[in-house]
Each structure stands twice: as structure tokens, then as C-alpha cells.
PDB file of N, CA and C in Angstrom:
ATOM      1  N   MET A   1      -7.118   5.701  15.103  1.00  0.00           N
ATOM      2  CA  MET A   1      -7.063   5.712  13.999  1.00  0.00           C
ATOM      3  C   MET A   1      -7.704   6.371  13.426  1.00  0.00           C
ATOM      4  N   VAL A   2      -6.100   6.639  12.324  1.00  0.00           N
ATOM      5  CA  VAL A   2      -6.829   8.062  11.514  1.00  0.00           C
ATOM      6  C   VAL A   2      -6.609   7.649   9.688  1.00  0.00           C
ATOM      7  N   THR A   3      -8.779   8.615   9.898  1.00  0.00           N
ATOM      8  CA  THR A   3      -8.612   6.596   8.235  1.00  0.00           C
ATOM      9  C   THR A   3      -8.362   7.761   6.718  1.00  0.00           C
ATOM     10  N   THR A   4      -7.129   8.267   5.733  1.00  0.00           N
ATOM     11  CA  THR A   4      -7.958   9.535   4.955  1.00  0.00           C
ATOM     12  C   THR A   4      -8.420   8.409   3.472  1.00  0.00           C
ATOM     13  N   ARG A   5      -8.872   9.374   3.663  1.00  0.00           N
ATOM     14  CA  ARG A   5      -9.294   8.736   1.271  1.00  0.00           C
ATOM     15  C   ARG A   5      -8.144   9.844   0.069  1.00  0.00           C
ATOM     16  N   ILE A   6      -7.351   9.018   0.044  1.00  0.00           N
ATOM     17  CA  ILE A   6      -6.424   9.152  -0.766  1.00  0.00           C
ATOM     18  C   ILE A   6      -6.863   9.234  -2.814  1.00  0.00           C
ATOM     19  N   ALA A   7      -6.716  10.507  -2.356  1.00  0.00           N
ATOM     20  CA  ALA A   7      -7.646  10.728  -4.624  1.00  0.00           C
ATOM     21  C   ALA A   7      -6.786   9.597  -5.595  1.00  0.00           C
ATOM     22  N   GLU A   8      -7.453   9.115  -6.175  1.00  0.00           N
ATOM     23  CA  GLU A   8      -7.116   8.044  -7.521  1.00  0.00           C
ATOM     24  C   GLU A   8      -5.634   9.201  -8.485  1.00  0.00           C
ATOM     25  N   GLN A   9      -5.506  10.082  -7.999  1.00  0.00           N
ATOM     26  CA  GLN A   9      -4.311  10.486  -9.249  1.00  0.00           C
ATOM     27  C   GLN A   9      -3.166  10.193  -8.539  1.00  0.00           C
ATOM     28  N   ASN A  10      -3.560   9.905  -7.133  1.00  0.00           N
ATOM     29  CA  ASN A  10      -2.464   9.989  -6.447  1.00  0.00           C
ATOM     30  C   ASN A  10      -1.716   8.152  -6.129  1.00  0.00           C
ATOM     31  N   TRP A  11      -3.150   7.526  -6.090  1.00  0.00           N
ATOM     32  CA  TRP A  11      -2.822   5.859  -6.818  1.00  0.00           C
ATOM     33  C   TRP A  11      -0.872   5.514  -6.626  1.00  0.00           C
ATOM     34  N   PRO A  12      -1.201   5.763  -8.303  1.00  0.00           N
ATOM     35  CA  PRO A  12       0.319   5.313  -8.023  1.00  0.00           C
ATOM     36  C   PRO A  12       1.386   5.841  -7.504  1.00  0.00           C
ATOM     37  N   ARG A  13       1.657   6.572  -7.058  1.00  0.00           N
ATOM     38  CA  ARG A  13       2.582   7.221  -6.624  1.00  0.00           C
ATOM     39  C   ARG A  13       2.527   6.276  -5.019  1.00  0.00           C
ATOM     40  N   TYR A  14       1.416   6.385  -4.521  1.00  0.00           N
ATOM     41  CA  TYR A  14       1.269   6.294  -3.258  1.00  0.00           C
ATOM     42  C   TYR A  14       1.287   4.790  -3.190  1.00  0.00           C
ATOM     43  N   PHE A  15       1.131   4.110  -3.789  1.00  0.00           N
ATOM     44  CA  PHE A  15       2.184   2.295  -3.553  1.00  0.00           C
ATOM     45  C   PHE A  15       2.937   2.180  -4.143  1.00  0.00           C
ATOM     46  N   ASP A  16       3.186   3.222  -4.904  1.00  0.00           N
ATOM     47  CA  ASP A  16       5.058   2.736  -4.996  1.00  0.00           C
ATOM     48  C   ASP A  16       6.146   3.186  -3.847  1.00  0.00           C
ATOM     49  N   ALA A  17       5.905   3.981  -3.668  1.00  0.00           N
ATOM     50  CA  ALA A  17       6.441   4.995  -2.156  1.00  0.00           C
ATOM     51  C   ALA A  17       6.100   3.559  -1.105  1.00  0.00           C
ATOM     52  N   ASN A  18       4.563   2.884  -1.002  1.00  0.00           N
ATOM     53  CA  ASN A  18       4.246   1.811   0.300  1.00  0.00           C
ATOM     54  C   ASN A  18       4.469   0.572  -0.145  1.00  0.00           C
ATOM     55  N   ALA A  19       4.711   0.166  -0.937  1.00  0.00           N
ATOM     56  CA  ALA A  19       4.916  -1.188  -1.454  1.00  0.00           C
ATOM     57  C   ALA A  19       5.819  -2.120  -1.130  1.00  0.00           C
ATOM     58  N   PRO A  20       7.336  -0.768  -0.967  1.00  0.00           N
ATOM     59  CA  PRO A  20       8.015  -2.477  -0.600  1.00  0.00           C
ATOM     60  C   PRO A  20       8.073  -2.043   1.670  1.00  0.00           C
ATOM     61  N   LEU A  21       6.885  -1.212   2.491  1.00  0.00           N
ATOM     62  CA  LEU A  21       6.708  -1.170   3.587  1.00  0.00           C
ATOM     63  C   LEU A  21       6.926  -2.661   3.734  1.00  0.00           C
ATOM     64  N   PHE A  22       5.003  -2.460   2.727  1.00  0.00           N
ATOM     65  CA  PHE A  22       4.428  -3.397   2.722  1.00  0.00           C
ATOM     66  C   PHE A  22       4.340  -5.229   3.039  1.00  0.00           C
ATOM     67  N   ARG A  23       5.499  -5.424   1.808  1.00  0.00           N
ATOM     68  CA  ARG A  23       6.305  -6.357   1.197  1.00  0.00           C
ATOM     69  C   ARG A  23       6.952  -7.415   2.273  1.00  0.00           C
ATOM     70  N   GLY A  24       6.062  -8.652   2.412  1.00  0.00           N
ATOM     71  CA  GLY A  24       6.451  -8.981   3.374  1.00  0.00           C
ATOM     72  C   GLY A  24       5.425  -9.536   4.931  1.00  0.00           C
ATOM     73  N   ARG A  25       4.796  -8.751   5.000  1.00  0.00           N
ATOM     74  CA  ARG A  25       4.129  -8.871   6.250  1.00  0.00           C
ATOM     75  C   ARG A  25       3.389  -9.511   5.741  1.00  0.00           C
ATOM     76  N   PRO A  26       1.964 -10.176   7.232  1.00  0.00           N
ATOM     77  CA  PRO A  26       1.123 -10.886   6.269  1.00  0.00           C
ATOM     78  C   PRO A  26      -0.292 -10.175   6.828  1.00  0.00           C
ATOM     79  N   SER A  27      -0.723 -10.346   6.239  1.00  0.00           N
ATOM     80  CA  SER A  27      -2.085 -10.043   5.422  1.00  0.00           C
ATOM     81  C   SER A  27      -3.683 -10.391   5.235  1.00  0.00           C
ATOM     82  N   SER A  28      -4.616  -9.704   5.376  1.00  0.00           N
ATOM     83  CA  SER A  28      -5.690 -10.501   4.297  1.00  0.00           C
ATOM     84  C   SER A  28      -6.724  -9.332   4.155  1.00  0.00           C
ATOM     85  N   ILE A  29      -7.913 -10.462   2.849  1.00  0.00           N
ATOM     86  CA  ILE A  29      -8.625  -9.524   2.315  1.00  0.00           C
ATOM     87  C   ILE A  29      -9.513 -10.695   2.271  1.00  0.00           C
ATOM     88  N   GLU A  30     -10.608  -8.957   3.222  1.00  0.00           N
ATOM     89  CA  GLU A  30     -11.886  -9.739   2.877  1.00  0.00           C
ATOM     90  C   GLU A  30     -12.542  -8.774   1.341  1.00  0.00           C
ATOM     91  N   VAL A  31     -14.254  -9.456   1.576  1.00  0.00           N
ATOM     92  CA  VAL A  31     -14.937  -8.215   0.394  1.00  0.00           C
ATOM     93  C   VAL A  31     -15.968  -8.577   0.853  1.00  0.00           C
ATOM     94  N   ILE A  32     -17.022  -7.705   0.873  1.00  0.00           N
ATOM     95  CA  ILE A  32     -17.751  -7.472   0.850  1.00  0.00           C
ATOM     96  C   ILE A  32     -18.564  -7.009   0.328  1.00  0.00           C
ATOM     97  N   ALA A  33     -19.704  -7.858  -0.823  1.00  0.00           N
ATOM     98  CA  ALA A  33     -20.144  -7.516  -1.973  1.00  0.00           C
ATOM     99  C   ALA A  33     -22.378  -7.376  -1.353  1.00  0.00           C
ATOM    100  N   PRO A  34     -23.087  -6.298  -2.444  1.00  0.00           N
ATOM    101  CA  PRO A  34     -24.313  -6.394  -1.496  1.00  0.00           C
ATOM    102  C   PRO A  34     -24.760  -7.087  -2.421  1.00  0.00           C
ATOM    103  N   ASP A  35     -24.655  -8.219  -2.837  1.00  0.00           N
ATOM    104  CA  ASP A  35     -25.366  -9.926  -3.640  1.00  0.00           C
ATOM    105  C   ASP A  35     -24.449 -10.975  -2.993  1.00  0.00           C
ATOM    106  N   LEU A  36     -23.667 -11.235  -2.490  1.00  0.00           N
ATOM    107  CA  LEU A  36     -22.274 -11.891  -1.819  1.00  0.00           C
ATOM    108  C   LEU A  36     -22.470 -12.020   0.047  1.00  0.00           C
ATOM    109  N   GLY A  37     -22.529 -11.121   0.530  1.00  0.00           N
ATOM    110  CA  GLY A  37     -22.511 -10.625   1.821  1.00  0.00           C
ATOM    111  C   GLY A  37     -20.837 -10.344   1.992  1.00  0.00           C
ATOM    112  N   ALA A  38     -19.987 -10.584   3.082  1.00  0.00           N
ATOM    113  CA  ALA A  38     -18.634 -10.719   3.184  1.00  0.00           C
ATOM    114  C   ALA A  38     -18.431 -12.347   3.473  1.00  0.00           C
ATOM    115  N   GLN A  39     -17.135 -11.747   2.428  1.00  0.00           N
ATOM    116  CA  GLN A  39     -16.349 -13.158   2.063  1.00  0.00           C
ATOM    117  C   GLN A  39     -14.925 -13.029   2.248  1.00  0.00           C
ATOM    118  N   ARG A  40     -14.226 -13.570   2.621  1.00  0.00           N
ATOM    119  CA  ARG A  40     -13.237 -13.431   3.592  1.00  0.00           C
ATOM    120  C   ARG A  40     -11.934 -14.278   2.968  1.00  0.00           C
ATOM    121  N   VAL A  41     -11.403 -13.448   1.669  1.00  0.00           N
ATOM    122  CA  VAL A  41     -10.689 -13.969   0.844  1.00  0.00           C
ATOM    123  C   VAL A  41      -8.869 -15.030   0.942  1.00  0.00           C
ATOM    124  N   ALA A  42      -8.299 -14.115   2.285  1.00  0.00           N
ATOM    125  CA  ALA A  42      -6.896 -14.298   2.584  1.00  0.00           C
ATOM    126  C   ALA A  42      -7.357 -14.052   4.351  1.00  0.00           C
ATOM    127  N   ASP A  43      -6.586 -15.189   4.471  1.00  0.00           N
ATOM    128  CA  ASP A  43      -6.074 -14.824   6.468  1.00  0.00           C
ATOM    129  C   ASP A  43      -4.263 -15.459   6.248  1.00  0.00           C
ATOM    130  N   GLY A  44      -3.539 -14.370   7.162  1.00  0.00           N
ATOM    131  CA  GLY A  44      -2.176 -13.870   7.443  1.00  0.00           C
ATOM    132  C   GLY A  44      -1.319 -14.688   6.774  1.00  0.00           C
ATOM    133  N   VAL A  45      -1.749 -14.434   5.559  1.00  0.00           N
ATOM    134  CA  VAL A  45      -1.097 -14.453   4.154  1.00  0.00           C
ATOM    135  C   VAL A  45       0.169 -13.550   3.843  1.00  0.00           C
ATOM    136  N   VAL A  46       1.217 -13.827   3.413  1.00  0.00           N
ATOM    137  CA  VAL A  46       2.383 -12.784   2.790  1.00  0.00           C
ATOM    138  C   VAL A  46       2.432 -11.664   2.243  1.00  0.00           C
ATOM    139  N   LEU A  47       1.701 -10.585   2.334  1.00  0.00           N
ATOM    140  CA  LEU A  47       1.871  -9.963   0.867  1.00  0.00           C
ATOM    141  C   LEU A  47       3.129  -9.569   0.019  1.00  0.00           C
ATOM    142  N   LEU A  48       3.335  -9.704  -1.207  1.00  0.00           N
ATOM    143  CA  LEU A  48       4.389  -8.824  -2.098  1.00  0.00           C
ATOM    144  C   LEU A  48       4.538  -9.043  -2.295  1.00  0.00           C
ATOM    145  N   GLY A  49       3.197  -7.590  -3.399  1.00  0.00           N
ATOM    146  CA  GLY A  49       2.783  -6.304  -3.659  1.00  0.00           C
ATOM    147  C   GLY A  49       2.034  -6.238  -3.902  1.00  0.00           C
ATOM    148  N   ILE A  50       2.378  -4.437  -3.807  1.00  0.00           N
ATOM    149  CA  ILE A  50       0.549  -4.284  -4.487  1.00  0.00           C
ATOM    150  C   ILE A  50       0.838  -2.781  -5.897  1.00  0.00           C
ATOM    151  N   SER A  51       0.159  -2.929  -6.966  1.00  0.00           N
ATOM    152  CA  SER A  51       0.008  -1.926  -8.040  1.00  0.00           C
ATOM    153  C   SER A  51      -1.000  -1.238  -7.665  1.00  0.00           C
ATOM    154  N   TYR A  52      -0.844  -0.050  -8.425  1.00  0.00           N
ATOM    155  CA  TYR A  52      -1.916   0.308  -9.526  1.00  0.00           C
ATOM    156  C   TYR A  52      -2.209   0.664 -11.334  1.00  0.00           C
ATOM    157  N   ASP A  53      -2.307  -0.155 -11.910  1.00  0.00           N
ATOM    158  CA  ASP A  53      -2.878   0.798 -13.089  1.00  0.00           C
ATOM    159  C   ASP A  53      -3.605   1.672 -13.448  1.00  0.00           C
ATOM    160  N   PRO A  54      -3.087   2.490 -13.904  1.00  0.00           N
ATOM    161  CA  PRO A  54      -3.796   3.580 -13.742  1.00  0.00           C
ATOM    162  C   PRO A  54      -4.961   3.776 -15.279  1.00  0.00           C
ATOM    163  N   ARG A  55      -3.871   3.021 -16.570  1.00  0.00           N
ATOM    164  CA  ARG A  55      -4.559   2.774 -18.127  1.00  0.00           C
ATOM    165  C   ARG A  55      -5.741   1.538 -17.728  1.00  0.00           C
ATOM    166  N   GLU A  56      -5.662   0.462 -16.904  1.00  0.00           N
ATOM    167  CA  GLU A  56      -6.600  -1.064 -16.467  1.00  0.00           C
ATOM    168  C   GLU A  56      -8.194   0.304 -15.478  1.00  0.00           C
ATOM    169  N   ARG A  57      -7.097   0.875 -15.085  1.00  0.00           N
ATOM    170  CA  ARG A  57      -7.847   1.667 -14.166  1.00  0.00           C
ATOM    171  C   ARG A  57      -8.309  -0.455 -12.756  1.00  0.00           C
ATOM    172  N   GLN A  58      -6.938  -0.565 -12.378  1.00  0.00           N
ATOM    173  CA  GLN A  58      -6.884  -1.645 -11.713  1.00  0.00           C
ATOM    174  C   GLN A  58      -6.104  -1.423 -10.308  1.00  0.00           C
ATOM    175  N   LEU A  59      -6.540  -2.743  -9.449  1.00  0.00           N
ATOM    176  CA  LEU A  59      -5.344  -2.580  -8.092  1.00  0.00           C
ATOM    177  C   LEU A  59      -5.233  -3.939  -8.298  1.00  0.00           C
ATOM    178  N   ASP A  60      -3.881  -4.628  -7.862  1.00  0.00           N
ATOM    179  CA  ASP A  60      -3.792  -6.013  -8.125  1.00  0.00           C
ATOM    180  C   ASP A  60      -3.223  -6.370  -6.157  1.00  0.00           C
ATOM    181  N   VAL A  61      -3.340  -6.569  -5.458  1.00  0.00           N
ATOM    182  CA  VAL A  61      -2.721  -7.166  -4.665  1.00  0.00           C
ATOM    183  C   VAL A  61      -1.988  -8.158  -4.521  1.00  0.00           C
ATOM    184  N   LEU A  62      -0.769  -8.664  -5.051  1.00  0.00           N
ATOM    185  CA  LEU A  62       0.082 -10.159  -5.193  1.00  0.00           C
ATOM    186  C   LEU A  62      -0.161 -10.498  -3.035  1.00  0.00           C
ATOM    187  N   LEU A  63      -0.766 -11.522  -3.187  1.00  0.00           N
ATOM    188  CA  LEU A  63       0.023 -12.773  -1.672  1.00  0.00           C
ATOM    189  C   LEU A  63       1.168 -13.096  -2.253  1.00  0.00           C
ATOM    190  N   GLU A  64       1.278 -14.713  -0.799  1.00  0.00           N
ATOM    191  CA  GLU A  64       2.452 -15.168  -1.901  1.00  0.00           C
ATOM    192  C   GLU A  64       1.135 -16.981  -2.273  1.00  0.00           C
ATOM    193  N   VAL A  65       0.316 -16.771  -2.129  1.00  0.00           N
ATOM    194  CA  VAL A  65      -0.438 -17.875  -2.671  1.00  0.00           C
ATOM    195  C   VAL A  65      -1.950 -17.554  -3.896  1.00  0.00           C
ATOM    196  N   LEU A  66      -1.942 -16.612  -3.623  1.00  0.00           N
ATOM    197  CA  LEU A  66      -2.959 -16.345  -5.001  1.00  0.00           C
ATOM    198  C   LEU A  66      -2.670 -14.687  -5.397  1.00  0.00           C
ATOM    199  N   ASP A  67      -3.194 -13.786  -6.446  1.00  0.00           N
ATOM    200  CA  ASP A  67      -3.529 -12.884  -6.410  1.00  0.00           C
ATOM    201  C   ASP A  67      -5.057 -12.259  -6.566  1.00  0.00           C
ATOM    202  N   HIS A  68      -4.831 -10.918  -5.663  1.00  0.00           N
ATOM    203  CA  HIS A  68      -6.333 -11.113  -6.149  1.00  0.00           C
ATOM    204  C   HIS A  68      -6.130  -8.991  -6.561  1.00  0.00           C
ATOM    205  N   ARG A  69      -6.729  -8.607  -8.098  1.00  0.00           N
ATOM    206  CA  ARG A  69      -7.883  -8.204  -8.536  1.00  0.00           C
ATOM    207  C   ARG A  69      -8.631  -6.705  -8.151  1.00  0.00           C
ATOM    208  N   ILE A  70      -8.810  -6.034  -8.168  1.00  0.00           N
ATOM    209  CA  ILE A  70      -9.612  -4.534  -8.248  1.00  0.00           C
ATOM    210  C   ILE A  70     -10.289  -4.259  -8.878  1.00  0.00           C
ATOM    211  N   GLU A  71     -11.453  -4.191 -10.411  1.00  0.00           N
ATOM    212  CA  GLU A  71     -11.179  -3.712 -10.928  1.00  0.00           C
ATOM    213  C   GLU A  71     -12.108  -2.250 -11.239  1.00  0.00           C
ATOM    214  N   LYS A  72     -11.702  -0.901 -10.835  1.00  0.00           N
ATOM    215  CA  LYS A  72     -12.072  -0.081 -11.979  1.00  0.00           C
ATOM    216  C   LYS A  72     -13.038   0.902  -9.681  1.00  0.00           C
ATOM    217  N   PRO A  73     -11.344   0.874  -9.059  1.00  0.00           N
ATOM    218  CA  PRO A  73     -12.386   1.160  -8.567  1.00  0.00           C
ATOM    219  C   PRO A  73     -12.117   2.696  -8.040  1.00  0.00           C
ATOM    220  N   GLN A  74     -13.521   2.961  -7.219  1.00  0.00           N
ATOM    221  CA  GLN A  74     -14.164   4.704  -7.624  1.00  0.00           C
ATOM    222  C   GLN A  74     -12.952   5.620  -6.199  1.00  0.00           C
ATOM    223  N   GLU A  75     -13.102   4.522  -5.083  1.00  0.00           N
ATOM    224  CA  GLU A  75     -12.656   5.320  -3.480  1.00  0.00           C
ATOM    225  C   GLU A  75     -11.104   4.112  -2.650  1.00  0.00           C
ATOM    226  N   LEU A  76     -10.289   5.103  -2.086  1.00  0.00           N
ATOM    227  CA  LEU A  76      -9.398   4.519  -1.405  1.00  0.00           C
ATOM    228  C   LEU A  76      -8.637   4.910  -0.742  1.00  0.00           C
ATOM    229  N   HIS A  77      -9.012   3.775   0.721  1.00  0.00           N
ATOM    230  CA  HIS A  77      -9.445   4.502   1.975  1.00  0.00           C
ATOM    231  C   HIS A  77      -7.577   4.037   2.676  1.00  0.00           C
ATOM    232  N   VAL A  78      -7.065   5.233   3.548  1.00  0.00           N
ATOM    233  CA  VAL A  78      -5.775   4.411   4.358  1.00  0.00           C
ATOM    234  C   VAL A  78      -5.966   4.220   5.862  1.00  0.00           C
ATOM    235  N   ALA A  79      -5.830   3.618   6.562  1.00  0.00           N
ATOM    236  CA  ALA A  79      -5.946   3.657   7.757  1.00  0.00           C
ATOM    237  C   ALA A  79      -4.678   2.918   8.455  1.00  0.00           C
ATOM    238  N   ARG A  80      -4.580   3.533   9.449  1.00  0.00           N
ATOM    239  CA  ARG A  80      -3.457   2.944  10.420  1.00  0.00           C
ATOM    240  C   ARG A  80      -3.744   2.663  11.529  1.00  0.00           C
ATOM    241  N   ALA A  81      -3.875   2.139  12.439  1.00  0.00           N
ATOM    242  CA  ALA A  81      -4.321   1.947  13.359  1.00  0.00           C
ATOM    243  C   ALA A  81      -2.931   1.949  14.496  1.00  0.00           C
ATOM    244  N   PRO A  82      -3.058   2.875  15.811  1.00  0.00           N
ATOM    245  CA  PRO A  82      -2.040   2.627  16.805  1.00  0.00           C
ATOM    246  C   PRO A  82      -0.946   1.517  17.132  1.00  0.00           C
ATOM    247  N   ASP A  83      -0.966   0.170  17.321  1.00  0.00           N
ATOM    248  CA  ASP A  83      -1.089  -1.144  17.172  1.00  0.00           C
ATOM    249  C   ASP A  83       0.099  -1.201  15.640  1.00  0.00           C
ATOM    250  N   GLY A  84       0.343   0.048  14.809  1.00  0.00           N
ATOM    251  CA  GLY A  84       0.895  -0.005  13.121  1.00  0.00           C
ATOM    252  C   GLY A  84       0.541  -1.353  11.904  1.00  0.00           C
ATOM    253  N   VAL A  85      -1.115  -1.811  12.768  1.00  0.00           N
ATOM    254  CA  VAL A  85      -1.451  -2.467  11.436  1.00  0.00           C
ATOM    255  C   VAL A  85      -1.782  -1.167  10.595  1.00  0.00           C
ATOM    256  N   VAL A  86      -1.506  -1.923   9.377  1.00  0.00           N
ATOM    257  CA  VAL A  86      -2.698  -0.961   8.612  1.00  0.00           C
ATOM    258  C   VAL A  86      -3.986  -1.272   7.545  1.00  0.00           C
ATOM    259  N   THR A  87      -4.527  -0.409   7.194  1.00  0.00           N
ATOM    260  CA  THR A  87      -5.471  -1.314   6.619  1.00  0.00           C
ATOM    261  C   THR A  87      -6.009  -0.355   5.899  1.00  0.00           C
ATOM    262  N   ILE A  88      -6.320  -0.766   4.171  1.00  0.00           N
ATOM    263  CA  ILE A  88      -6.743   0.054   3.111  1.00  0.00           C
ATOM    264  C   ILE A  88      -7.909  -1.123   2.639  1.00  0.00           C
ATOM    265  N   GLU A  89      -8.885   0.459   1.739  1.00  0.00           N
ATOM    266  CA  GLU A  89     -10.034   0.016   1.953  1.00  0.00           C
ATOM    267  C   GLU A  89     -10.669   0.548   0.807  1.00  0.00           C
ATOM    268  N   THR A  90     -11.066   0.070  -0.177  1.00  0.00           N
ATOM    269  CA  THR A  90     -11.444   0.079  -1.666  1.00  0.00           C
ATOM    270  C   THR A  90     -12.629  -0.032  -2.143  1.00  0.00           C
ATOM    271  N   ILE A  91     -13.573   0.204  -3.029  1.00  0.00           N
ATOM    272  CA  ILE A  91     -14.722   0.221  -3.219  1.00  0.00           C
ATOM    273  C   ILE A  91     -14.436   0.705  -4.558  1.00  0.00           C
ATOM    274  N   ASP A  92     -15.305  -0.259  -4.953  1.00  0.00           N
ATOM    275  CA  ASP A  92     -15.822  -0.511  -7.132  1.00  0.00           C
ATOM    276  C   ASP A  92     -16.459   0.201  -7.276  1.00  0.00           C
ATOM    277  N   GLY A  93     -16.625  -0.199  -8.413  1.00  0.00           N
ATOM    278  CA  GLY A  93     -17.862   0.238  -8.961  1.00  0.00           C
ATOM    279  C   GLY A  93     -19.737   0.154  -8.833  1.00  0.00           C
ATOM    280  N   ASP A  94     -18.950  -1.526  -8.518  1.00  0.00           N
ATOM    281  CA  ASP A  94     -20.387  -2.246  -8.211  1.00  0.00           C
ATOM    282  C   ASP A  94     -20.302  -2.448  -7.089  1.00  0.00           C
ATOM    283  N   GLY A  95     -19.347  -1.594  -5.691  1.00  0.00           N
ATOM    284  CA  GLY A  95     -20.542  -1.230  -4.655  1.00  0.00           C
ATOM    285  C   GLY A  95     -19.137  -2.698  -4.566  1.00  0.00           C
ATOM    286  N   ARG A  96     -18.782  -3.074  -4.732  1.00  0.00           N
ATOM    287  CA  ARG A  96     -17.930  -4.387  -3.662  1.00  0.00           C
ATOM    288  C   ARG A  96     -16.873  -3.367  -2.286  1.00  0.00           C
ATOM    289  N   LYS A  97     -17.194  -3.866  -1.379  1.00  0.00           N
ATOM    290  CA  LYS A  97     -15.846  -3.257  -0.792  1.00  0.00           C
ATOM    291  C   LYS A  97     -14.695  -3.827  -0.116  1.00  0.00           C
ATOM    292  N   THR A  98     -13.127  -4.350  -0.303  1.00  0.00           N
ATOM    293  CA  THR A  98     -12.603  -4.648  -0.199  1.00  0.00           C
ATOM    294  C   THR A  98     -11.117  -4.365   0.899  1.00  0.00           C
ATOM    295  N   ILE A  99     -11.210  -4.584   1.185  1.00  0.00           N
ATOM    296  CA  ILE A  99     -10.634  -4.879   3.148  1.00  0.00           C
ATOM    297  C   ILE A  99      -9.071  -5.766   3.175  1.00  0.00           C
ATOM    298  N   LEU A 100      -8.453  -4.856   2.893  1.00  0.00           N
ATOM    299  CA  LEU A 100      -6.627  -5.411   3.290  1.00  0.00           C
ATOM    300  C   LEU A 100      -5.955  -5.007   4.398  1.00  0.00           C
ATOM    301  N   ARG A 101      -5.916  -5.821   5.115  1.00  0.00           N
ATOM    302  CA  ARG A 101      -4.808  -5.495   6.392  1.00  0.00           C
ATOM    303  C   ARG A 101      -4.387  -6.218   6.345  1.00  0.00           C
ATOM    304  N   ILE A 102      -3.341  -5.354   6.810  1.00  0.00           N
ATOM    305  CA  ILE A 102      -1.344  -5.768   6.696  1.00  0.00           C
ATOM    306  C   ILE A 102      -1.011  -5.968   7.988  1.00  0.00           C
ATOM    307  N   GLY A 103      -0.633  -6.213   8.455  1.00  0.00           N
ATOM    308  CA  GLY A 103      -0.031  -6.881   9.865  1.00  0.00           C
ATOM    309  C   GLY A 103       1.768  -5.746  10.141  1.00  0.00           C
ATOM    310  N   THR A 104       1.294  -6.231  11.528  1.00  0.00           N
ATOM    311  CA  THR A 104       3.263  -4.962  11.244  1.00  0.00           C
ATOM    312  C   THR A 104       4.369  -5.679  11.216  1.00  0.00           C
ATOM    313  N   HIS A 105       4.679  -6.146  11.251  1.00  0.00           N
ATOM    314  CA  HIS A 105       5.841  -7.245  11.014  1.00  0.00           C
ATOM    315  C   HIS A 105       5.913  -8.384  10.009  1.00  0.00           C
ATOM    316  N   ALA A 106       7.449  -7.519   9.528  1.00  0.00           N
ATOM    317  CA  ALA A 106       7.284  -8.866   8.240  1.00  0.00           C
ATOM    318  C   ALA A 106       7.075  -9.757   8.959  1.00  0.00           C
ATOM    319  N   VAL A 107       7.183 -11.523   7.523  1.00  0.00           N
ATOM    320  CA  VAL A 107       7.435 -12.697   8.359  1.00  0.00           C
ATOM    321  C   VAL A 107       8.953 -13.244   7.832  1.00  0.00           C
ATOM    322  N   PRO A 108       9.514 -13.979   8.582  1.00  0.00           N
ATOM    323  CA  PRO A 108      10.087 -14.109   8.122  1.00  0.00           C
ATOM    324  C   PRO A 108      10.691 -15.083   6.883  1.00  0.00           C
ATOM    325  N   HIS A 109      11.470 -14.975   5.800  1.00  0.00           N
ATOM    326  CA  HIS A 109      11.537 -16.062   4.852  1.00  0.00           C
ATOM    327  C   HIS A 109      11.768 -17.244   5.042  1.00  0.00           C
ATOM    328  N   ARG A 110      11.225 -17.836   4.850  1.00  0.00           N
ATOM    329  CA  ARG A 110      10.725 -19.976   4.181  1.00  0.00           C
ATOM    330  C   ARG A 110      11.946 -19.673   3.573  1.00  0.00           C
TER     331      ARG A 110
END
């Protein structure tokens, strides 16, 4: 697995280009915070979209059952596993790490 750090000025372009490829895939979100430990936010939920707003400095992950917002991310790393799973990790200004795992196959529309 190769992990790449993406520079902040490239985040909007990265998500604009890749969000359609991720749409419809099963995804999970885990947040690891110094004050809370590891917390699973979602597991196996269909991803509807991802976007980054540079003016507000927020990353929005839209899932079928919830929206997850990451305020003022400081770092963004992307890894692709040999089986096609994509992992996006962010670290925000408070030291919280958010891990978004995106599965390989789109979920059939219900």
C-alpha cells in the first residue's frame, strides 16, 4: 500500500476528480481523538459524496445516513490497498485523526 500526502491547495481538485469514483461505495469512518480514544462513526454505509470548501476550511463526507464534517483539517493522506480499498486520513488542528475507508464495489441502488 502506498500512502500519499496531498497538499491542501490540491484538496478541492482531488475531491472534485475522485468523488464520482467513490460515490455509491460502502464506507466507514473512525475518529481517533486524544480526549476520546477511537470512536466508530459509521460502518458499511453508502458514500454519497466528499467535498472540501477552502474558504471555510472544512471537509464534508456525505453518507447515506449521516453527514460528517471535519473542521480545519491540517493534513490529508490517501492510500490505495491492492484490493482497491481507498483510505483517506485527515488530522485536524485539535489532533483528531479521521479515517475514511472506501470499499471497492458500488452498492446496488435500493
